[in-house]
Amino acid sequence: MQRNLDVYEQQAARAAQQGAQILVFPEDGLQGFNFSRSSISGYLETVPDPQQESWNPCTEPGKYNNTEVLQRLSCMARRYNLFLVANMADLQLCTPKTDLSSCPPDGRWQFNTNVAFSSDGLLVARYHKQNLYFEEAFDTPPQPEIITFETPFAGRFGLIICFDILFHKPKVNLLEKGVRQLIYPTAWMNQLPLLDSIQFQRAFSLGANVTLLAANIRSDRLIMTGSGIYTPSSSTYHHAQRGDPEEGRLLVARVPVLDPLWTGQSVVGEGVVSAESTSSPAMDSGYCHKESCFDSPSPETAPSVLPSSTTFLSSMMYDTFTFALLNETEGNVNVCNGTFCCHLQYRRLPPGDSKELYALGAFAGTHTVNGRYALQVCALVRCAGLDVSSCGQEVEEAETKMDFLLEGRFGTRYVFPSVLVHKLVLDQPEHLETAADGRVTMKHSTMTGGLVTACLYGRMYHLDNE
């Protein structure tokens, strides 16, 4: 841990030299991962609650015993005049018999924890991770925590960790409070074609209309790489390729402060978000009404989009998608999974040049492998080979560029859009629009590389427990 703290110290000095005001380190960056409940015990410190007391570990080191990590981080923030957020392991003692909050039998809570320090070293926030991902060493907090802290240079930031980004608590609670800037330490295992790290970081920033500061740990063995600083209109990111010799990278970006005065309104998907300007006209989606694909009187009736004739089923990320192939150089494709339908208008560029196979997939249902969560997804993907059974497999490279309009009618306002191109580079969709009836449209042209995935990833939080 001391060696890792030395690395943090070097990076804090470099960040300060470049004028950074806030610095974020990755999840598990100090102690590593894959501990049991007992084997992590030597790495735990008790983090006091900054909502209950004011403590500066750097200037008051004697106040608590066994807080070397907190002291070192606090002094780092103070020395380099930075707000600093790090992830560490926290121990809170409790009494199994008298504590009503279901204290563990061994009398201790062990939490995966974000700590935030102000630029004078004051501990200003402590957040315990809500949505654990196979973390035997840690407990889920008895109550979900909605934690924010204030900065003089950019107002309020909210705290989440890794798997939290896929769930309602505490992420949506923060959005509903009007928080527009989220800090996100993560140890994310990349899963193509829909949940690569930078792909979903970018998608979340766009779909939720927020700034996201995402610090991912680097482990080639666990396919963990990809961090970024994202705003609704920009992204600064790094995605190491497997086998890259470098061990990490410091990302620095200047970002606008987003107006927090949206409280009380839906923070996600209201109106139009666009890369060029907020008034950019959407590609006319009138084709939809001609085929009456989205205006059937009741969503429970038969699907109102006629699926394309050659649909087939294939597994993508452990979910059974209904797919339709893109057989022409340009055209329209519809595909439905139950009553949920996706529509694509596309044109390959240059026509007929590439032999690559593409398919449009739709899925509506509950994902149940390595986590349980309800989805509606429209995804245009490059198939791994030329056989339909390869559609939905992991692909990192592609030659085919295309102009497209991808559209679905979602039963949620939480829809996260992404465009991922050759060698895991992000493209900013040219135009995004959410209609009052739940129809989400993503339009893109002038692609910078061959298309790997274009996706509208809808999270049906209200169905998670069904």
Protein backbone atom coordinates (compact mmCIF):
# COMPACT_ATOMS: atom_id res chain seq x y z
CA MET A 1 0.00 0.00 0.00
CA GLN A 2 2.88 2.37 0.73
CA ARG A 3 4.24 1.70 -2.77
CA ASN A 4 0.85 2.46 -4.28
CA LEU A 5 0.58 5.63 -2.20
CA ASP A 6 4.00 6.67 -3.54
CA VAL A 7 2.59 6.32 -7.08
CA TYR A 8 -0.45 8.39 -6.05
CA GLU A 9 1.92 11.04 -4.70
CA GLN A 10 3.81 11.25 -8.03
CA GLN A 11 0.54 11.54 -9.97
CA ALA A 12 -0.81 14.20 -7.60
CA ALA A 13 2.35 16.26 -8.19
CA ARG A 14 1.97 15.86 -11.97
CA ALA A 15 -1.72 16.76 -11.85
CA ALA A 16 -1.02 19.87 -9.78
CA GLN A 17 1.68 20.99 -12.24
CA GLN A 18 -0.96 20.83 -14.99
CA GLY A 19 -3.37 22.98 -13.01
CA ALA A 20 -5.79 20.25 -11.91
CA GLN A 21 -8.27 21.16 -9.19
CA ILE A 22 -9.67 17.69 -8.53
CA LEU A 23 -7.98 14.30 -8.90
CA VAL A 24 -9.68 10.86 -8.93
CA PHE A 25 -7.97 7.50 -8.35
CA PRO A 26 -9.36 4.05 -9.32
CA GLU A 27 -11.31 1.49 -7.32
CA ASP A 28 -9.10 -1.01 -5.44
CA GLY A 29 -6.07 1.10 -6.38
CA LEU A 30 -4.47 0.88 -2.93
CA GLN A 31 -4.97 -2.68 -1.73
CA GLY A 32 -5.82 -4.57 -4.94
CA PHE A 33 -8.64 -7.13 -5.13
CA ASN A 34 -9.72 -10.76 -4.70
CA PHE A 35 -9.59 -10.79 -0.89
CA SER A 36 -11.66 -12.88 1.47
CA ARG A 37 -13.43 -11.25 4.40
CA SER A 38 -10.54 -12.18 6.70
CA SER A 39 -7.56 -11.74 4.35
CA ILE A 40 -8.38 -8.05 3.76
CA SER A 41 -8.47 -7.28 7.48
CA GLY A 42 -4.91 -5.91 7.62
CA TYR A 43 -5.75 -3.33 4.94
CA LEU A 44 -8.81 -1.86 6.67
CA GLU A 45 -8.96 1.57 8.30
CA THR A 46 -11.93 3.06 10.12
CA VAL A 47 -13.12 6.12 8.20
CA PRO A 48 -15.06 8.57 10.43
CA ASP A 49 -18.28 10.04 9.03
CA PRO A 50 -17.60 13.60 7.82
CA GLN A 51 -21.34 14.33 8.17
CA GLN A 52 -20.96 13.76 11.93
CA GLU A 53 -17.58 15.36 12.63
CA SER A 54 -14.91 17.54 11.07
CA TRP A 55 -11.46 15.97 10.80
CA ASN A 56 -8.29 16.81 8.92
CA PRO A 57 -6.10 13.67 9.10
CA CYS A 58 -3.02 15.61 7.95
CA THR A 59 -3.15 18.30 10.63
CA GLU A 60 -4.74 16.11 13.37
CA PRO A 61 -2.96 12.74 12.90
CA GLY A 62 -3.26 11.78 16.58
CA LYS A 63 -7.06 11.94 16.68
CA TYR A 64 -7.48 8.32 15.48
CA ASN A 65 -5.15 5.33 15.61
CA ASN A 66 -4.31 3.21 12.57
CA THR A 67 -5.21 5.80 9.91
CA GLU A 68 -1.95 5.95 7.92
CA VAL A 69 -3.72 5.79 4.54
CA LEU A 70 -6.19 8.56 5.41
CA GLN A 71 -3.32 10.71 6.72
CA ARG A 72 -1.24 10.19 3.61
CA LEU A 73 -4.15 11.00 1.25
CA SER A 74 -5.12 14.05 3.32
CA CYS A 75 -1.55 15.41 3.25
CA MET A 76 -1.37 14.76 -0.50
CA ALA A 77 -4.49 16.86 -1.08
CA ARG A 78 -3.08 19.58 1.17
CA ARG A 79 0.45 19.54 -0.26
CA TYR A 80 -0.71 19.84 -3.88
CA ASN A 81 -3.74 22.04 -3.17
CA LEU A 82 -6.12 19.53 -4.82
CA PHE A 83 -9.49 18.05 -4.05
CA LEU A 84 -8.70 14.34 -4.06
CA VAL A 85 -10.93 11.24 -4.27
CA ALA A 86 -9.54 7.77 -3.55
CA ASN A 87 -11.02 4.32 -2.99
CA MET A 88 -10.08 2.27 0.08
CA ALA A 89 -11.33 -0.41 2.47
CA ASP A 90 -13.26 0.81 5.52
CA LEU A 91 -13.99 -0.98 8.82
CA GLN A 92 -16.93 0.05 11.02
CA LEU A 93 -17.52 -1.85 14.26
CA CYS A 94 -21.09 -2.75 15.24
CA THR A 95 -22.88 -4.92 17.82
CA PRO A 96 -24.63 -7.98 16.36
CA LYS A 97 -27.23 -8.40 19.12
CA THR A 98 -28.28 -4.80 19.72
CA ASP A 99 -27.65 -3.20 16.34
CA LEU A 100 -30.92 -3.15 14.39
CA SER A 101 -29.14 -2.60 11.08
CA SER A 102 -28.31 -6.32 10.67
CA CYS A 103 -24.72 -6.09 11.91
CA PRO A 104 -22.64 -9.01 10.54
CA PRO A 105 -22.03 -11.89 12.97
CA ASP A 106 -18.35 -10.97 13.43
CA GLY A 107 -19.34 -7.52 14.71
CA ARG A 108 -17.79 -5.49 11.88
CA TRP A 109 -18.97 -3.87 8.70
CA GLN A 110 -16.39 -3.96 5.91
CA PHE A 111 -17.09 -1.50 3.10
CA ASN A 112 -15.69 -0.68 -0.34
CA THR A 113 -15.35 3.07 0.21
CA ASN A 114 -14.71 6.35 -1.60
CA VAL A 115 -13.10 9.09 0.48
CA ALA A 116 -12.91 12.71 -0.68
CA PHE A 117 -10.59 15.40 0.70
CA SER A 118 -10.70 19.15 0.16
CA SER A 119 -7.60 21.04 -0.99
CA ASP A 120 -6.61 21.75 2.63
CA GLY A 121 -6.77 18.04 3.55
CA LEU A 122 -10.17 18.04 5.28
CA LEU A 123 -12.11 14.75 4.92
CA VAL A 124 -15.29 16.01 3.22
CA ALA A 125 -17.08 12.83 2.05
CA ARG A 126 -17.28 9.09 2.66
CA TYR A 127 -19.35 6.82 0.41
CA HIS A 128 -19.88 3.05 0.86
CA LYS A 129 -20.43 1.10 -2.39
CA GLN A 130 -24.02 -0.10 -2.75
CA ASN A 131 -23.82 -2.58 -5.64
CA LEU A 132 -21.06 -5.10 -4.98
CA TYR A 133 -19.70 -7.31 -7.77
CA PHE A 134 -18.54 -10.65 -6.30
CA GLU A 135 -16.72 -8.85 -3.47
CA GLU A 136 -16.52 -11.41 -0.69
CA ALA A 137 -14.44 -9.07 1.49
CA PHE A 138 -17.14 -6.36 1.66
CA ASP A 139 -20.66 -5.79 2.98
CA THR A 140 -23.54 -3.97 1.33
CA PRO A 141 -24.36 -0.94 3.51
CA PRO A 142 -27.61 -1.37 5.50
CA GLN A 143 -28.98 1.85 3.92
CA PRO A 144 -28.10 3.15 0.44
CA GLU A 145 -25.97 6.28 0.78
CA ILE A 146 -26.56 9.39 -1.35
CA ILE A 147 -23.28 11.26 -0.88
CA THR A 148 -22.18 14.59 -2.39
CA PHE A 149 -19.60 17.23 -1.54
CA GLU A 150 -19.13 20.86 -2.54
CA THR A 151 -16.14 22.45 -4.27
CA PRO A 152 -15.41 26.18 -4.70
CA PHE A 153 -14.49 25.75 -8.39
CA ALA A 154 -17.32 23.54 -9.75
CA GLY A 155 -20.06 23.23 -7.14
CA ARG A 156 -21.38 19.82 -6.20
CA PHE A 157 -20.05 16.34 -7.04
CA GLY A 158 -21.75 12.99 -6.36
CA LEU A 159 -19.93 9.73 -5.57
CA ILE A 160 -20.50 6.26 -7.07
CA ILE A 161 -18.29 3.16 -7.53
CA CYS A 162 -18.00 0.72 -10.47
CA PHE A 163 -21.09 -1.57 -10.67
CA ASP A 164 -23.22 1.26 -9.17
CA ILE A 165 -23.34 2.79 -12.67
CA LEU A 166 -25.83 0.12 -13.81
CA PHE A 167 -28.31 0.50 -10.92
CA HIS A 168 -30.95 2.89 -9.60
CA LYS A 169 -29.45 3.40 -6.14
CA PRO A 170 -27.61 5.63 -5.58
CA LYS A 171 -27.00 6.83 -9.15
CA VAL A 172 -30.54 7.88 -10.12
CA ASN A 173 -31.10 9.33 -6.63
CA LEU A 174 -28.13 11.64 -7.28
CA LEU A 175 -29.50 12.62 -10.71
CA GLU A 176 -32.90 13.34 -9.20
CA LYS A 177 -31.23 15.66 -6.68
CA GLY A 178 -29.91 17.69 -9.60
CA VAL A 179 -26.30 16.48 -9.31
CA ARG A 180 -24.66 16.97 -12.72
CA GLN A 181 -21.07 15.91 -11.89
CA LEU A 182 -20.27 12.36 -10.80
CA ILE A 183 -17.00 10.86 -9.59
CA TYR A 184 -16.49 7.24 -10.53
CA PRO A 185 -13.60 5.08 -9.32
CA THR A 186 -13.95 1.67 -10.99
CA ALA A 187 -12.31 -1.72 -11.55
CA TRP A 188 -14.32 -2.58 -14.67
CA MET A 189 -13.91 -5.81 -16.60
CA ASN A 190 -14.56 -4.92 -20.24
CA GLN A 191 -17.32 -6.81 -21.96
CA LEU A 192 -17.85 -6.22 -25.64
CA PRO A 193 -19.92 -5.54 -27.63
CA LEU A 194 -22.12 -3.47 -25.26
CA LEU A 195 -20.27 -2.82 -21.99
CA ASP A 196 -16.71 -1.86 -22.76
CA SER A 197 -15.50 0.56 -20.07
CA ILE A 198 -15.18 3.75 -22.10
CA GLN A 199 -18.24 2.83 -24.17
CA PHE A 200 -20.52 2.79 -21.15
CA GLN A 201 -18.80 5.69 -19.37
CA ARG A 202 -19.45 7.81 -22.46
CA ALA A 203 -22.99 6.44 -22.85
CA PHE A 204 -23.85 7.26 -19.25
CA SER A 205 -22.52 10.81 -19.51
CA LEU A 206 -24.54 11.37 -22.70
CA GLY A 207 -27.74 9.64 -21.60
CA ALA A 208 -27.82 11.22 -18.14
CA ASN A 209 -26.55 14.59 -19.43
CA VAL A 210 -23.81 14.75 -16.77
CA THR A 211 -20.05 15.11 -16.38
CA LEU A 212 -18.38 11.84 -15.35
CA LEU A 213 -14.83 11.56 -13.97
CA ALA A 214 -14.07 7.84 -14.44
CA ALA A 215 -10.82 6.29 -13.14
CA ASN A 216 -10.45 2.60 -14.03
CA ILE A 217 -7.73 0.34 -12.66
CA ARG A 218 -5.40 -1.40 -15.14
CA SER A 219 -5.19 -5.21 -15.12
CA ASP A 220 -4.65 -7.00 -18.42
CA ARG A 221 -5.27 -10.37 -16.76
CA LEU A 222 -8.78 -9.26 -15.76
CA ILE A 223 -9.38 -7.21 -18.97
CA MET A 224 -9.58 -3.99 -16.93
CA THR A 225 -8.63 -0.82 -18.77
CA GLY A 226 -10.27 2.40 -19.94
CA SER A 227 -10.74 5.69 -18.08
CA GLY A 228 -12.04 9.09 -19.09
CA ILE A 229 -13.32 12.57 -18.35
CA TYR A 230 -16.68 12.98 -20.07
CA THR A 231 -19.14 15.82 -20.48
CA PRO A 232 -22.30 15.74 -22.62
CA SER A 233 -20.30 17.38 -25.43
CA SER A 234 -16.73 16.12 -25.01
CA SER A 235 -14.63 13.15 -23.96
CA THR A 236 -10.98 12.80 -22.96
CA TYR A 237 -10.15 9.14 -22.46
CA HIS A 238 -7.50 6.43 -22.65
CA HIS A 239 -8.14 2.77 -23.48
CA ALA A 240 -4.92 0.73 -23.35
CA GLN A 241 -4.77 -2.16 -25.79
CA ARG A 242 -3.89 -5.56 -24.36
CA GLY A 243 -0.14 -5.95 -24.05
CA ASP A 244 0.62 -2.22 -24.01
CA PRO A 245 3.80 -1.85 -21.94
CA GLU A 246 2.75 1.31 -20.11
CA GLU A 247 1.10 0.81 -16.74
CA GLY A 248 -1.17 3.79 -16.57
CA ARG A 249 -1.90 7.30 -17.73
CA LEU A 250 -2.88 10.55 -16.07
CA LEU A 251 -5.75 12.22 -17.94
CA VAL A 252 -6.25 15.96 -17.50
CA ALA A 253 -9.06 17.98 -19.06
CA ARG A 254 -10.72 21.34 -18.60
CA VAL A 255 -14.48 20.90 -18.45
CA PRO A 256 -17.42 23.30 -18.14
CA VAL A 257 -19.40 23.45 -14.90
CA LEU A 258 -22.88 22.10 -15.67
CA ASP A 259 -25.85 24.05 -14.36
CA PRO A 260 -27.29 22.15 -11.38
CA LEU A 261 -30.63 23.95 -11.45
CA TRP A 262 -32.53 21.02 -12.94
CA THR A 263 -33.84 19.66 -9.68
CA GLY A 264 -37.44 18.54 -9.83
CA GLN A 265 -37.35 17.86 -13.55
CA SER A 266 -36.40 14.66 -15.25
CA VAL A 267 -32.63 14.96 -15.58
CA VAL A 268 -32.39 12.32 -18.26
CA GLY A 269 -33.44 12.44 -21.87
CA GLU A 270 -35.53 15.60 -21.82
CA GLY A 271 -35.50 17.46 -25.10
CA VAL A 272 -32.61 17.21 -27.52
CA VAL A 273 -28.93 16.70 -26.85
CA SER A 274 -26.75 17.24 -29.86
CA ALA A 275 -23.08 17.38 -30.64
CA GLU A 276 -23.31 20.43 -32.89
CA SER A 277 -26.07 22.47 -31.27
CA THR A 278 -29.26 21.96 -29.34
CA SER A 279 -31.37 22.94 -32.33
CA SER A 280 -29.97 20.42 -34.79
CA PRO A 281 -32.82 18.90 -36.82
CA ALA A 282 -33.25 15.14 -36.50
CA MET A 283 -33.30 13.01 -39.60
CA ASP A 284 -36.99 12.84 -40.44
CA SER A 285 -38.37 9.73 -38.82
CA GLY A 286 -41.59 9.92 -40.81
CA TYR A 287 -40.97 6.45 -42.23
CA CYS A 288 -42.07 5.22 -38.87
CA HIS A 289 -45.54 6.67 -39.02
CA LYS A 290 -46.09 5.47 -42.59
CA GLU A 291 -45.50 1.93 -41.40
CA SER A 292 -47.30 2.79 -38.13
CA CYS A 293 -44.44 1.11 -36.34
CA PHE A 294 -44.69 2.97 -33.08
CA ASP A 295 -48.26 4.10 -32.78
CA SER A 296 -50.20 0.94 -32.04
CA PRO A 297 -52.96 1.70 -29.50
CA SER A 298 -51.55 -0.59 -26.82
CA PRO A 299 -47.99 -1.78 -26.27
CA GLU A 300 -49.37 -5.14 -25.13
CA THR A 301 -50.80 -5.92 -28.57
CA ALA A 302 -48.78 -7.61 -31.29
CA PRO A 303 -45.56 -5.80 -32.25
CA SER A 304 -46.41 -2.91 -34.52
CA VAL A 305 -43.13 -2.98 -36.43
CA LEU A 306 -43.07 -5.76 -38.94
CA PRO A 307 -39.78 -7.51 -38.28
CA SER A 308 -37.44 -8.01 -41.22
CA SER A 309 -38.00 -11.39 -42.82
CA THR A 310 -34.68 -13.06 -41.97
CA THR A 311 -34.60 -12.74 -38.18
CA PHE A 312 -32.65 -15.19 -36.02
CA LEU A 313 -31.77 -15.62 -32.36
CA SER A 314 -28.22 -15.35 -31.05
CA SER A 315 -26.68 -14.84 -27.61
CA MET A 316 -25.03 -11.48 -26.91
CA MET A 317 -23.50 -11.01 -23.46
CA TYR A 318 -25.55 -13.95 -22.15
CA ASP A 319 -28.89 -12.51 -23.34
CA THR A 320 -30.88 -13.97 -26.25
CA PHE A 321 -31.25 -11.18 -28.80
CA THR A 322 -33.43 -11.26 -31.88
CA PHE A 323 -31.26 -10.21 -34.83
CA ALA A 324 -31.80 -9.19 -38.44
CA LEU A 325 -28.95 -9.03 -40.95
CA LEU A 326 -28.03 -5.93 -42.95
CA ASN A 327 -28.00 -7.59 -46.35
CA GLU A 328 -27.82 -4.53 -48.61
CA THR A 329 -25.49 -1.57 -49.03
CA GLU A 330 -28.34 0.59 -47.73
CA GLY A 331 -31.86 0.13 -46.47
CA ASN A 332 -34.25 -0.15 -43.54
CA VAL A 333 -34.25 -2.96 -40.99
CA ASN A 334 -36.80 -3.65 -38.25
CA VAL A 335 -36.40 -6.22 -35.51
CA CYS A 336 -38.58 -7.04 -32.47
CA ASN A 337 -37.97 -8.97 -29.28
CA GLY A 338 -41.46 -9.56 -27.91
CA THR A 339 -43.29 -6.24 -28.19
CA PHE A 340 -40.09 -4.17 -28.05
CA CYS A 341 -38.92 -3.11 -31.52
CA CYS A 342 -35.86 -1.42 -33.00
CA HIS A 343 -35.58 0.33 -36.35
CA LEU A 344 -32.49 1.11 -38.40
CA GLN A 345 -31.97 3.21 -41.52
CA TYR A 346 -28.43 2.70 -42.85
CA ARG A 347 -26.01 3.30 -45.71
CA ARG A 348 -22.64 1.54 -45.90
CA LEU A 349 -19.65 3.63 -47.00
CA PRO A 350 -18.12 3.10 -49.47
CA PRO A 351 -20.82 0.83 -50.88
CA GLY A 352 -19.99 -2.83 -51.23
CA ASP A 353 -16.35 -2.48 -50.25
CA SER A 354 -16.25 -4.64 -47.14
CA LYS A 355 -17.09 -8.29 -46.61
CA GLU A 356 -17.99 -7.74 -42.95
CA LEU A 357 -21.34 -8.98 -41.63
CA TYR A 358 -23.57 -6.66 -39.57
CA ALA A 359 -26.80 -7.28 -37.70
CA LEU A 360 -29.39 -5.24 -35.82
CA GLY A 361 -30.34 -6.79 -32.49
CA ALA A 362 -33.19 -6.19 -30.03
CA PHE A 363 -33.55 -7.45 -26.47
CA ALA A 364 -36.16 -6.78 -23.79
CA GLY A 365 -35.96 -8.72 -20.57
CA THR A 366 -33.97 -9.31 -17.40
CA HIS A 367 -30.24 -9.94 -17.64
CA THR A 368 -29.37 -12.59 -15.03
CA VAL A 369 -25.66 -13.49 -15.44
CA ASN A 370 -23.15 -11.77 -13.09
CA GLY A 371 -25.84 -9.41 -11.86
CA ARG A 372 -29.58 -9.04 -12.33
CA TYR A 373 -31.05 -6.04 -14.14
CA ALA A 374 -33.87 -5.34 -16.59
CA LEU A 375 -33.05 -4.03 -20.07
CA GLN A 376 -34.39 -2.81 -23.38
CA VAL A 377 -31.56 -2.69 -25.93
CA CYS A 378 -31.25 -1.77 -29.61
CA ALA A 379 -27.77 -2.62 -30.91
CA LEU A 380 -26.17 -2.55 -34.34
CA VAL A 381 -23.11 -4.82 -34.17
CA ARG A 382 -20.38 -6.15 -36.38
CA CYS A 383 -20.51 -9.96 -36.29
CA ALA A 384 -17.22 -11.69 -35.45
CA GLY A 385 -17.29 -13.79 -38.64
CA LEU A 386 -19.41 -14.33 -41.73
CA ASP A 387 -21.73 -16.84 -40.08
CA VAL A 388 -24.87 -15.61 -38.28
CA SER A 389 -23.89 -17.59 -35.17
CA SER A 390 -20.99 -15.12 -34.70
CA CYS A 391 -23.33 -12.13 -34.28
CA GLY A 392 -23.12 -10.90 -30.70
CA GLN A 393 -19.57 -12.11 -30.09
CA GLU A 394 -16.72 -9.80 -28.99
CA VAL A 395 -15.17 -7.72 -31.79
CA GLU A 396 -12.57 -4.95 -31.46
CA GLU A 397 -11.83 -4.16 -35.11
CA ALA A 398 -13.92 -3.17 -38.12
CA GLU A 399 -13.45 -1.61 -41.56
CA THR A 400 -17.04 -0.77 -42.53
CA LYS A 401 -18.19 2.79 -41.99
CA MET A 402 -21.87 3.64 -42.25
CA ASP A 403 -24.33 6.46 -41.90
CA PHE A 404 -27.26 5.38 -39.78
CA LEU A 405 -30.33 6.33 -37.83
CA LEU A 406 -31.10 3.94 -34.96
CA GLU A 407 -34.40 4.18 -33.14
CA GLY A 408 -36.40 2.39 -30.48
CA ARG A 409 -39.42 3.17 -28.36
CA PHE A 410 -38.38 2.64 -24.77
CA GLY A 411 -40.39 2.08 -21.60
CA THR A 412 -37.83 4.09 -19.62
CA ARG A 413 -36.29 7.54 -19.85
CA TYR A 414 -32.90 6.11 -18.86
CA VAL A 415 -31.43 5.25 -22.24
CA PHE A 416 -27.66 5.36 -22.72
CA PRO A 417 -26.35 5.82 -26.30
CA SER A 418 -22.93 4.77 -27.60
CA VAL A 419 -20.97 4.50 -30.84
CA LEU A 420 -17.78 2.44 -30.66
CA VAL A 421 -15.49 2.18 -33.70
CA HIS A 422 -12.34 0.34 -34.84
CA LYS A 423 -9.81 -0.47 -32.07
CA LEU A 424 -12.16 0.77 -29.31
CA VAL A 425 -12.36 4.44 -30.23
CA LEU A 426 -15.44 6.47 -29.27
CA ASP A 427 -17.49 8.46 -31.77
CA GLN A 428 -19.81 11.23 -30.59
CA PRO A 429 -23.29 10.62 -32.06
CA GLU A 430 -24.19 13.45 -34.40
CA HIS A 431 -27.72 13.79 -33.06
CA LEU A 432 -29.76 12.36 -30.19
CA GLU A 433 -33.42 12.95 -29.56
CA THR A 434 -35.95 11.71 -27.03
CA ALA A 435 -39.64 12.12 -27.86
CA ALA A 436 -42.45 12.36 -25.33
CA ASP A 437 -43.70 8.88 -26.30
CA GLY A 438 -40.40 7.25 -25.28
CA ARG A 439 -38.96 7.07 -28.79
CA VAL A 440 -35.18 7.59 -28.74
CA THR A 441 -33.39 8.38 -32.00
CA MET A 442 -29.63 8.36 -32.55
CA LYS A 443 -28.29 9.60 -35.87
CA HIS A 444 -24.65 9.43 -36.94
CA SER A 445 -22.57 9.94 -40.09
CA THR A 446 -18.95 10.87 -40.92
CA MET A 447 -17.70 7.98 -38.79
CA THR A 448 -14.02 8.16 -37.80
CA GLY A 449 -13.44 4.38 -38.04
CA GLY A 450 -15.15 1.11 -38.94
CA LEU A 451 -18.27 0.47 -36.84
CA VAL A 452 -17.93 -2.00 -33.95
CA THR A 453 -21.17 -1.18 -32.06
CA ALA A 454 -23.92 1.44 -32.10
CA CYS A 455 -26.20 0.96 -29.14
CA LEU A 456 -29.20 2.38 -27.29
CA TYR A 457 -29.01 0.74 -23.86
CA GLY A 458 -32.21 1.21 -21.89
CA ARG A 459 -32.31 0.43 -18.15
CA MET A 460 -35.74 -0.60 -16.83
CA TYR A 461 -34.95 0.00 -13.15
CA HIS A 462 -38.61 -0.41 -12.14
CA LEU A 463 -38.58 -4.05 -13.34
CA ASP A 464 -35.35 -5.12 -11.61
CA ASN A 465 -37.00 -7.05 -8.82
CA GLU A 466 -39.68 -8.78 -10.87
